[in-house]
Amino acid sequence: MPNKTAKNILAIIMWIVGIIISLAVGFGLISKVLAIPYIPSLVLIIVGWIAVVSTVIGMIIAIVNYFN
């Protein structure tokens, strides 16, 4: 069974990977690299911006909560 330090490091790595994936998908939708058939590109751009902004806000909240 891994110790507490190993669990914390793994949790941080998973958190960072999640942020990178969320930002990659968001920016992919914004730049029209990712597309979903039958959904207008304007909707995808808006969804991309929602993904990016919510990821950044969530990241800031998590960092603030960590240091409090």
C-alpha atoms as a PDB file:
ATOM      1  CA  MET A   1       0.000   0.000   0.000  1.00  0.00           C
ATOM      2  CA  PRO A   2       1.523   3.346  -1.024  1.00  0.00           C
ATOM      3  CA  ASN A   3       2.289   5.900   1.627  1.00  0.00           C
ATOM      4  CA  LYS A   4       0.635   9.310   1.947  1.00  0.00           C
ATOM      5  CA  THR A   5       3.383  11.128   0.027  1.00  0.00           C
ATOM      6  CA  ALA A   6       3.047   8.827  -2.971  1.00  0.00           C
ATOM      7  CA  LYS A   7      -0.731   9.305  -2.957  1.00  0.00           C
ATOM      8  CA  ASN A   8      -0.320  13.094  -2.846  1.00  0.00           C
ATOM      9  CA  ILE A   9       2.152  13.070  -5.732  1.00  0.00           C
ATOM     10  CA  LEU A  10      -0.132  10.834  -7.789  1.00  0.00           C
ATOM     11  CA  ALA A  11      -3.108  13.092  -7.023  1.00  0.00           C
ATOM     12  CA  ILE A  12      -1.162  16.184  -8.132  1.00  0.00           C
ATOM     13  CA  ILE A  13      -0.054  14.474 -11.348  1.00  0.00           C
ATOM     14  CA  MET A  14      -3.617  13.392 -12.129  1.00  0.00           C
ATOM     15  CA  TRP A  15      -4.901  16.919 -11.393  1.00  0.00           C
ATOM     16  CA  ILE A  16      -2.320  18.500 -13.736  1.00  0.00           C
ATOM     17  CA  VAL A  17      -3.083  15.977 -16.497  1.00  0.00           C
ATOM     18  CA  GLY A  18      -6.804  16.732 -16.131  1.00  0.00           C
ATOM     19  CA  ILE A  19      -6.146  20.451 -16.492  1.00  0.00           C
ATOM     20  CA  ILE A  20      -3.991  19.915 -19.580  1.00  0.00           C
ATOM     21  CA  ILE A  21      -6.630  17.704 -21.203  1.00  0.00           C
ATOM     22  CA  SER A  22      -9.429  20.172 -20.413  1.00  0.00           C
ATOM     23  CA  LEU A  23      -7.462  23.070 -21.851  1.00  0.00           C
ATOM     24  CA  ALA A  24      -6.471  21.051 -24.922  1.00  0.00           C
ATOM     25  CA  VAL A  25     -10.089  20.152 -25.655  1.00  0.00           C
ATOM     26  CA  GLY A  26     -11.270  23.711 -24.997  1.00  0.00           C
ATOM     27  CA  PHE A  27      -8.667  25.290 -27.247  1.00  0.00           C
ATOM     28  CA  GLY A  28      -9.256  22.587 -29.868  1.00  0.00           C
ATOM     29  CA  LEU A  29     -12.931  23.525 -29.986  1.00  0.00           C
ATOM     30  CA  ILE A  30     -12.115  27.241 -30.101  1.00  0.00           C
ATOM     31  CA  SER A  31      -9.657  26.864 -32.984  1.00  0.00           C
ATOM     32  CA  LYS A  32     -12.012  24.469 -34.842  1.00  0.00           C
ATOM     33  CA  VAL A  33      -9.490  21.624 -34.763  1.00  0.00           C
ATOM     34  CA  LEU A  34     -12.059  19.487 -32.957  1.00  0.00           C
ATOM     35  CA  ALA A  35     -15.491  19.269 -34.494  1.00  0.00           C
ATOM     36  CA  ILE A  36     -18.711  17.474 -33.698  1.00  0.00           C
ATOM     37  CA  PRO A  37     -20.920  16.684 -36.688  1.00  0.00           C
ATOM     38  CA  TYR A  38     -24.251  18.515 -36.913  1.00  0.00           C
ATOM     39  CA  ILE A  39     -23.302  21.090 -34.260  1.00  0.00           C
ATOM     40  CA  PRO A  40     -22.632  24.591 -35.590  1.00  0.00           C
ATOM     41  CA  SER A  41     -19.105  25.882 -35.172  1.00  0.00           C
ATOM     42  CA  LEU A  42     -20.280  28.936 -33.222  1.00  0.00           C
ATOM     43  CA  VAL A  43     -21.763  26.641 -30.571  1.00  0.00           C
ATOM     44  CA  LEU A  44     -18.515  24.667 -30.402  1.00  0.00           C
ATOM     45  CA  ILE A  45     -16.488  27.853 -29.997  1.00  0.00           C
ATOM     46  CA  ILE A  46     -18.731  28.977 -27.135  1.00  0.00           C
ATOM     47  CA  VAL A  47     -18.469  25.549 -25.492  1.00  0.00           C
ATOM     48  CA  GLY A  48     -14.691  25.697 -25.926  1.00  0.00           C
ATOM     49  CA  TRP A  49     -14.518  29.043 -24.156  1.00  0.00           C
ATOM     50  CA  ILE A  50     -16.740  27.716 -21.363  1.00  0.00           C
ATOM     51  CA  ALA A  51     -14.370  24.760 -20.949  1.00  0.00           C
ATOM     52  CA  VAL A  52     -11.282  26.984 -20.840  1.00  0.00           C
ATOM     53  CA  VAL A  53     -12.751  29.560 -18.447  1.00  0.00           C
ATOM     54  CA  SER A  54     -14.230  26.952 -16.105  1.00  0.00           C
ATOM     55  CA  THR A  55     -10.922  25.060 -16.050  1.00  0.00           C
ATOM     56  CA  VAL A  56      -8.975  28.200 -15.145  1.00  0.00           C
ATOM     57  CA  ILE A  57     -11.505  29.170 -12.467  1.00  0.00           C
ATOM     58  CA  GLY A  58     -11.447  25.645 -11.037  1.00  0.00           C
ATOM     59  CA  MET A  59      -7.669  25.678 -11.023  1.00  0.00           C
ATOM     60  CA  ILE A  60      -7.568  28.984  -9.142  1.00  0.00           C
ATOM     61  CA  ILE A  61     -10.148  27.788  -6.610  1.00  0.00           C
ATOM     62  CA  ALA A  62      -8.227  24.542  -6.030  1.00  0.00           C
ATOM     63  CA  ILE A  63      -4.961  26.406  -5.465  1.00  0.00           C
ATOM     64  CA  VAL A  64      -6.593  28.871  -3.063  1.00  0.00           C
ATOM     65  CA  ASN A  65      -8.253  26.025  -1.129  1.00  0.00           C
ATOM     66  CA  TYR A  66      -4.972  24.141  -0.953  1.00  0.00           C
ATOM     67  CA  PHE A  67      -3.163  27.027   0.727  1.00  0.00           C
ATOM     68  CA  ASN A  68      -5.974  27.844   3.178  1.00  0.00           C
END
